[in-house]
Amino acid sequence: QVQLVESGGGLVQPGGSLRLSCAASGFTLDSLAIGWFRQAPGKEREGVSCISSSEGTIYYADSAKGRFTISSDNAKNTVYLQMNSLKPEDTAVYYCGATIKYCSGYEHPSSWSDYWGQGTQVTVSS
């Protein structure tokens, strides 16, 4: 059974950093593509970044480029999202999702992800 558990969210001031973790069980990272997504109040869930070990690809949304870094630790079966230079507009619940397909299409999370974690709240505020 595939399970994803996010952690690392919290309250941070603008310009600060957070590292989110997505611990996976029931599969190995080289068999699935893992994406990070976020959903702000009143908005649709959107793709932030995606990594596929089998394909050797990494993708970032324009809002994440230059500030966020996705990485994976196969030994820990965990995917990370390092978020720097955080802005108030980054405030959202962050989810990780997984699919047996590749990262292509992760910009449309509802049709892309086969599995979801429970989410972790990130609040950027002074």
N, C-alpha and C. Protein backbone atom coordinates (compact mmCIF):
# COMPACT_ATOMS: atom_id res chain seq x y z
N GLN A 1 0.85 -1.19 0.00
CA GLN A 1 0.00 0.00 0.00
C GLN A 1 0.88 1.24 0.00
N VAL A 2 0.63 2.13 -0.94
CA VAL A 2 1.41 3.35 -1.06
C VAL A 2 0.95 4.37 -0.03
N GLN A 3 1.91 4.91 0.71
CA GLN A 3 1.61 5.97 1.67
C GLN A 3 2.63 7.09 1.52
N LEU A 4 2.16 8.32 1.64
CA LEU A 4 3.00 9.51 1.59
C LEU A 4 2.72 10.33 2.83
N VAL A 5 3.76 10.74 3.53
CA VAL A 5 3.59 11.54 4.74
C VAL A 5 4.46 12.77 4.65
N GLU A 6 3.82 13.95 4.63
CA GLU A 6 4.56 15.20 4.57
C GLU A 6 4.86 15.71 5.98
N SER A 7 5.95 16.46 6.08
CA SER A 7 6.30 17.14 7.33
C SER A 7 7.18 18.33 7.00
N GLY A 8 7.38 19.18 8.00
CA GLY A 8 8.30 20.30 7.84
C GLY A 8 7.64 21.65 7.65
N GLY A 9 6.33 21.69 7.58
CA GLY A 9 5.66 22.97 7.43
C GLY A 9 5.72 23.78 8.72
N GLY A 10 5.27 25.02 8.62
CA GLY A 10 5.27 25.87 9.81
C GLY A 10 5.07 27.32 9.43
N LEU A 11 5.31 28.18 10.42
CA LEU A 11 5.21 29.62 10.25
C LEU A 11 6.61 30.19 10.06
N VAL A 12 6.80 30.97 9.03
CA VAL A 12 8.11 31.56 8.75
C VAL A 12 7.91 32.99 8.26
N GLN A 13 8.87 33.84 8.55
CA GLN A 13 8.80 35.23 8.10
C GLN A 13 9.17 35.34 6.62
N PRO A 14 8.66 36.36 5.95
CA PRO A 14 9.06 36.57 4.55
C PRO A 14 10.59 36.62 4.43
N GLY A 15 11.09 35.95 3.40
CA GLY A 15 12.52 35.84 3.19
C GLY A 15 13.15 34.64 3.86
N GLY A 16 12.38 33.95 4.69
CA GLY A 16 12.89 32.79 5.40
C GLY A 16 12.88 31.53 4.56
N SER A 17 13.24 30.42 5.21
CA SER A 17 13.36 29.13 4.52
C SER A 17 12.67 28.03 5.31
N LEU A 18 12.23 27.03 4.59
CA LEU A 18 11.68 25.81 5.17
C LEU A 18 12.09 24.64 4.29
N ARG A 19 12.22 23.48 4.89
CA ARG A 19 12.44 22.26 4.11
C ARG A 19 11.32 21.29 4.42
N LEU A 20 10.57 20.96 3.39
CA LEU A 20 9.50 19.99 3.51
C LEU A 20 10.02 18.60 3.17
N SER A 21 9.47 17.61 3.85
CA SER A 21 9.83 16.22 3.58
C SER A 21 8.59 15.43 3.20
N CYS A 22 8.77 14.49 2.30
CA CYS A 22 7.70 13.57 1.89
C CYS A 22 8.26 12.16 2.03
N ALA A 23 7.88 11.49 3.10
CA ALA A 23 8.35 10.13 3.35
C ALA A 23 7.40 9.15 2.70
N ALA A 24 7.96 8.28 1.86
CA ALA A 24 7.16 7.34 1.10
C ALA A 24 7.31 5.93 1.63
N SER A 25 6.24 5.16 1.57
CA SER A 25 6.29 3.75 1.92
C SER A 25 5.39 2.98 0.95
N GLY A 26 5.69 1.71 0.80
CA GLY A 26 4.92 0.88 -0.10
C GLY A 26 5.44 0.87 -1.52
N PHE A 27 6.47 1.67 -1.77
CA PHE A 27 7.10 1.68 -3.08
C PHE A 27 8.48 2.31 -2.94
N THR A 28 9.31 2.16 -3.95
CA THR A 28 10.62 2.83 -3.95
C THR A 28 10.58 4.01 -4.91
N LEU A 29 11.40 5.00 -4.61
CA LEU A 29 11.36 6.24 -5.37
C LEU A 29 11.68 6.04 -6.84
N ASP A 30 12.41 4.99 -7.17
CA ASP A 30 12.76 4.81 -8.58
C ASP A 30 11.62 4.20 -9.39
N SER A 31 10.50 3.92 -8.73
CA SER A 31 9.38 3.33 -9.46
C SER A 31 8.25 4.33 -9.72
N LEU A 32 8.32 5.49 -9.07
CA LEU A 32 7.26 6.49 -9.21
C LEU A 32 7.85 7.88 -9.38
N ALA A 33 7.07 8.77 -9.97
CA ALA A 33 7.42 10.19 -9.99
C ALA A 33 6.74 10.84 -8.79
N ILE A 34 7.45 11.74 -8.12
CA ILE A 34 6.93 12.42 -6.93
C ILE A 34 6.84 13.91 -7.21
N GLY A 35 5.71 14.47 -6.89
CA GLY A 35 5.52 15.90 -7.09
C GLY A 35 5.14 16.60 -5.80
N TRP A 36 5.49 17.87 -5.74
CA TRP A 36 5.02 18.75 -4.66
C TRP A 36 3.97 19.68 -5.23
N PHE A 37 2.91 19.86 -4.46
CA PHE A 37 1.79 20.68 -4.88
C PHE A 37 1.40 21.59 -3.72
N ARG A 38 0.63 22.62 -4.00
CA ARG A 38 0.14 23.47 -2.94
C ARG A 38 -1.26 23.96 -3.26
N GLN A 39 -1.99 24.24 -2.21
CA GLN A 39 -3.34 24.75 -2.37
C GLN A 39 -3.58 25.83 -1.34
N ALA A 40 -3.79 27.04 -1.84
CA ALA A 40 -4.10 28.17 -0.98
C ALA A 40 -5.61 28.26 -0.82
N PRO A 41 -6.08 28.90 0.24
CA PRO A 41 -7.53 29.03 0.45
C PRO A 41 -8.22 29.67 -0.75
N GLY A 42 -9.28 29.02 -1.21
CA GLY A 42 -10.04 29.55 -2.32
C GLY A 42 -9.43 29.35 -3.69
N LYS A 43 -8.31 28.65 -3.73
CA LYS A 43 -7.63 28.42 -5.02
C LYS A 43 -7.52 26.94 -5.32
N GLU A 44 -7.28 26.63 -6.58
CA GLU A 44 -7.09 25.24 -6.98
C GLU A 44 -5.69 24.76 -6.59
N ARG A 45 -5.57 23.46 -6.42
CA ARG A 45 -4.26 22.89 -6.15
C ARG A 45 -3.38 23.06 -7.39
N GLU A 46 -2.13 23.44 -7.18
CA GLU A 46 -1.23 23.67 -8.30
C GLU A 46 0.08 22.92 -8.10
N GLY A 47 0.68 22.55 -9.21
CA GLY A 47 1.97 21.88 -9.17
C GLY A 47 3.09 22.85 -8.87
N VAL A 48 4.00 22.47 -8.01
CA VAL A 48 5.15 23.29 -7.63
C VAL A 48 6.44 22.72 -8.22
N SER A 49 6.63 21.41 -8.08
CA SER A 49 7.86 20.78 -8.56
C SER A 49 7.64 19.29 -8.67
N CYS A 50 8.47 18.64 -9.47
CA CYS A 50 8.33 17.20 -9.66
C CYS A 50 9.70 16.59 -9.92
N ILE A 51 9.89 15.37 -9.42
CA ILE A 51 11.14 14.66 -9.65
C ILE A 51 10.81 13.22 -10.04
N SER A 52 11.52 12.74 -11.04
CA SER A 52 11.38 11.36 -11.48
C SER A 52 12.76 10.74 -11.54
N SER A 53 13.06 9.83 -10.62
CA SER A 53 14.37 9.19 -10.59
C SER A 53 14.56 8.29 -11.80
N SER A 54 13.50 7.59 -12.20
CA SER A 54 13.62 6.67 -13.33
C SER A 54 13.86 7.41 -14.64
N GLU A 55 13.26 8.59 -14.77
CA GLU A 55 13.40 9.39 -15.98
C GLU A 55 14.59 10.33 -15.89
N GLY A 56 15.06 10.58 -14.65
CA GLY A 56 16.15 11.53 -14.45
C GLY A 56 15.77 12.96 -14.73
N THR A 57 14.55 13.34 -14.38
CA THR A 57 14.07 14.68 -14.68
C THR A 57 13.59 15.40 -13.42
N ILE A 58 13.70 16.72 -13.47
CA ILE A 58 13.18 17.60 -12.42
C ILE A 58 12.47 18.76 -13.11
N TYR A 59 11.33 19.12 -12.57
CA TYR A 59 10.56 20.23 -13.11
C TYR A 59 10.21 21.20 -11.98
N TYR A 60 10.10 22.47 -12.35
CA TYR A 60 9.68 23.51 -11.41
C TYR A 60 8.64 24.40 -12.08
N ALA A 61 7.66 24.79 -11.29
CA ALA A 61 6.74 25.83 -11.75
C ALA A 61 7.49 27.16 -11.78
N ASP A 62 7.02 28.08 -12.58
CA ASP A 62 7.69 29.38 -12.67
C ASP A 62 7.80 30.05 -11.30
N SER A 63 6.79 29.86 -10.47
CA SER A 63 6.78 30.49 -9.14
C SER A 63 7.86 29.91 -8.22
N ALA A 64 8.37 28.73 -8.56
CA ALA A 64 9.35 28.06 -7.71
C ALA A 64 10.78 28.17 -8.22
N LYS A 65 10.93 28.48 -9.49
CA LYS A 65 12.26 28.51 -10.09
C LYS A 65 13.16 29.54 -9.39
N GLY A 66 14.37 29.10 -9.05
CA GLY A 66 15.34 29.97 -8.41
C GLY A 66 15.19 30.08 -6.91
N ARG A 67 14.08 29.60 -6.36
CA ARG A 67 13.86 29.69 -4.91
C ARG A 67 13.70 28.33 -4.25
N PHE A 68 13.09 27.38 -4.96
CA PHE A 68 12.81 26.06 -4.40
C PHE A 68 13.73 25.03 -5.07
N THR A 69 14.09 24.00 -4.29
CA THR A 69 14.89 22.91 -4.82
C THR A 69 14.30 21.59 -4.36
N ILE A 70 14.00 20.72 -5.32
CA ILE A 70 13.50 19.38 -5.01
C ILE A 70 14.65 18.40 -5.06
N SER A 71 14.64 17.44 -4.14
CA SER A 71 15.69 16.42 -4.12
C SER A 71 15.13 15.15 -3.53
N SER A 72 15.87 14.07 -3.71
CA SER A 72 15.41 12.79 -3.17
C SER A 72 16.57 12.05 -2.51
N ASP A 73 16.23 11.31 -1.48
CA ASP A 73 17.18 10.44 -0.78
C ASP A 73 16.63 9.04 -0.88
N ASN A 74 17.16 8.26 -1.83
CA ASN A 74 16.61 6.92 -2.05
C ASN A 74 16.81 6.02 -0.85
N ALA A 75 17.88 6.22 -0.11
CA ALA A 75 18.12 5.38 1.07
C ALA A 75 17.05 5.60 2.13
N LYS A 76 16.54 6.82 2.21
CA LYS A 76 15.49 7.13 3.18
C LYS A 76 14.10 7.10 2.55
N ASN A 77 14.07 6.85 1.22
CA ASN A 77 12.79 6.84 0.49
C ASN A 77 12.00 8.12 0.75
N THR A 78 12.70 9.23 0.70
CA THR A 78 12.12 10.53 1.05
C THR A 78 12.47 11.56 -0.01
N VAL A 79 11.49 12.39 -0.33
CA VAL A 79 11.69 13.52 -1.25
C VAL A 79 11.57 14.80 -0.45
N TYR A 80 12.45 15.76 -0.75
CA TYR A 80 12.49 17.01 -0.03
C TYR A 80 12.14 18.18 -0.95
N LEU A 81 11.62 19.24 -0.35
CA LEU A 81 11.45 20.49 -1.06
C LEU A 81 12.06 21.59 -0.19
N GLN A 82 13.22 22.06 -0.60
CA GLN A 82 13.87 23.16 0.09
C GLN A 82 13.31 24.46 -0.46
N MET A 83 12.73 25.27 0.40
CA MET A 83 12.10 26.51 -0.02
C MET A 83 12.83 27.68 0.61
N ASN A 84 13.41 28.53 -0.22
CA ASN A 84 14.13 29.70 0.24
C ASN A 84 13.43 30.97 -0.24
N SER A 85 13.80 32.09 0.35
CA SER A 85 13.24 33.39 -0.04
C SER A 85 11.71 33.34 -0.10
N LEU A 86 11.13 32.80 0.94
CA LEU A 86 9.68 32.61 0.95
C LEU A 86 8.94 33.94 0.97
N LYS A 87 7.79 33.93 0.31
CA LYS A 87 6.95 35.11 0.17
C LYS A 87 5.57 34.82 0.78
N PRO A 88 4.85 35.85 1.16
CA PRO A 88 3.49 35.61 1.69
C PRO A 88 2.61 34.83 0.72
N GLU A 89 2.81 35.02 -0.57
CA GLU A 89 1.99 34.30 -1.56
C GLU A 89 2.34 32.82 -1.65
N ASP A 90 3.38 32.38 -0.95
CA ASP A 90 3.70 30.95 -0.87
C ASP A 90 2.86 30.26 0.20
N THR A 91 2.11 31.01 0.97
CA THR A 91 1.27 30.44 2.02
C THR A 91 0.24 29.50 1.41
N ALA A 92 0.22 28.26 1.89
CA ALA A 92 -0.68 27.24 1.36
C ALA A 92 -0.49 25.95 2.14
N VAL A 93 -1.38 25.01 1.90
CA VAL A 93 -1.12 23.64 2.34
C VAL A 93 -0.33 22.96 1.22
N TYR A 94 0.79 22.37 1.59
CA TYR A 94 1.65 21.71 0.62
C TYR A 94 1.45 20.20 0.71
N TYR A 95 1.26 19.60 -0.44
CA TYR A 95 1.03 18.16 -0.54
C TYR A 95 2.11 17.52 -1.42
N CYS A 96 2.43 16.28 -1.12
CA CYS A 96 3.18 15.53 -2.11
C CYS A 96 2.25 14.49 -2.72
N GLY A 97 2.50 14.23 -3.98
CA GLY A 97 1.72 13.27 -4.73
C GLY A 97 2.64 12.36 -5.52
N ALA A 98 2.13 11.21 -5.91
CA ALA A 98 2.94 10.24 -6.63
C ALA A 98 2.13 9.60 -7.75
N THR A 99 2.85 9.22 -8.80
CA THR A 99 2.21 8.56 -9.92
C THR A 99 3.15 7.53 -10.51
N ILE A 100 2.57 6.50 -11.12
CA ILE A 100 3.39 5.50 -11.79
C ILE A 100 3.86 6.01 -13.14
N LYS A 101 3.30 7.15 -13.57
CA LYS A 101 3.72 7.74 -14.83
C LYS A 101 4.94 8.63 -14.55
N TYR A 102 5.29 9.48 -15.48
CA TYR A 102 6.40 10.39 -15.31
C TYR A 102 5.91 11.76 -14.87
N CYS A 103 6.82 12.73 -14.76
CA CYS A 103 6.45 14.07 -14.31
C CYS A 103 5.56 14.80 -15.30
N SER A 104 5.63 14.43 -16.54
CA SER A 104 4.83 15.13 -17.55
C SER A 104 3.37 15.17 -17.14
N GLY A 105 2.81 16.37 -17.11
CA GLY A 105 1.42 16.54 -16.75
C GLY A 105 1.19 16.88 -15.28
N TYR A 106 2.28 17.02 -14.50
CA TYR A 106 2.09 17.27 -13.08
C TYR A 106 1.45 18.64 -12.83
N GLU A 107 1.46 19.48 -13.89
CA GLU A 107 0.82 20.79 -13.75
C GLU A 107 -0.69 20.68 -13.56
N HIS A 108 -1.22 19.49 -13.82
CA HIS A 108 -2.64 19.23 -13.65
C HIS A 108 -2.80 18.15 -12.60
N PRO A 109 -2.67 18.53 -11.31
CA PRO A 109 -2.57 17.53 -10.24
C PRO A 109 -3.76 16.58 -10.13
N SER A 110 -4.96 17.07 -10.41
CA SER A 110 -6.12 16.20 -10.20
C SER A 110 -6.11 15.00 -11.13
N SER A 111 -5.55 15.15 -12.30
CA SER A 111 -5.51 14.04 -13.26
C SER A 111 -4.17 13.32 -13.25
N TRP A 112 -3.17 13.91 -12.57
CA TRP A 112 -1.81 13.34 -12.63
C TRP A 112 -1.54 12.36 -11.51
N SER A 113 -1.90 12.76 -10.28
CA SER A 113 -1.46 12.00 -9.12
C SER A 113 -2.37 10.82 -8.81
N ASP A 114 -1.73 9.69 -8.57
CA ASP A 114 -2.44 8.49 -8.15
C ASP A 114 -2.55 8.38 -6.63
N TYR A 115 -1.63 9.05 -5.93
CA TYR A 115 -1.58 8.96 -4.48
C TYR A 115 -1.30 10.34 -3.90
N TRP A 116 -1.85 10.61 -2.71
CA TRP A 116 -1.66 11.90 -2.05
C TRP A 116 -1.29 11.71 -0.59
N GLY A 117 -0.49 12.64 -0.08
CA GLY A 117 -0.27 12.72 1.35
C GLY A 117 -1.35 13.58 1.98
N GLN A 118 -1.23 13.78 3.30
CA GLN A 118 -2.27 14.52 4.03
C GLN A 118 -2.05 16.02 4.00
N GLY A 119 -0.86 16.46 3.62
CA GLY A 119 -0.56 17.87 3.52
C GLY A 119 0.10 18.44 4.77
N THR A 120 0.84 19.53 4.58
CA THR A 120 1.46 20.25 5.68
C THR A 120 1.31 21.75 5.41
N GLN A 121 0.93 22.49 6.45
CA GLN A 121 0.64 23.91 6.29
C GLN A 121 1.94 24.71 6.30
N VAL A 122 2.05 25.61 5.33
CA VAL A 122 3.14 26.57 5.28
C VAL A 122 2.52 27.97 5.32
N THR A 123 2.93 28.75 6.31
CA THR A 123 2.43 30.11 6.45
C THR A 123 3.61 31.08 6.46
N VAL A 124 3.59 32.01 5.53
CA VAL A 124 4.66 33.01 5.43
C VAL A 124 4.06 34.35 5.82
N SER A 125 4.47 34.84 6.97
CA SER A 125 3.88 36.07 7.50
C SER A 125 4.81 36.70 8.51
N SER A 126 4.78 38.02 8.56
CA SER A 126 5.56 38.73 9.56
C SER A 126 4.72 38.98 10.81
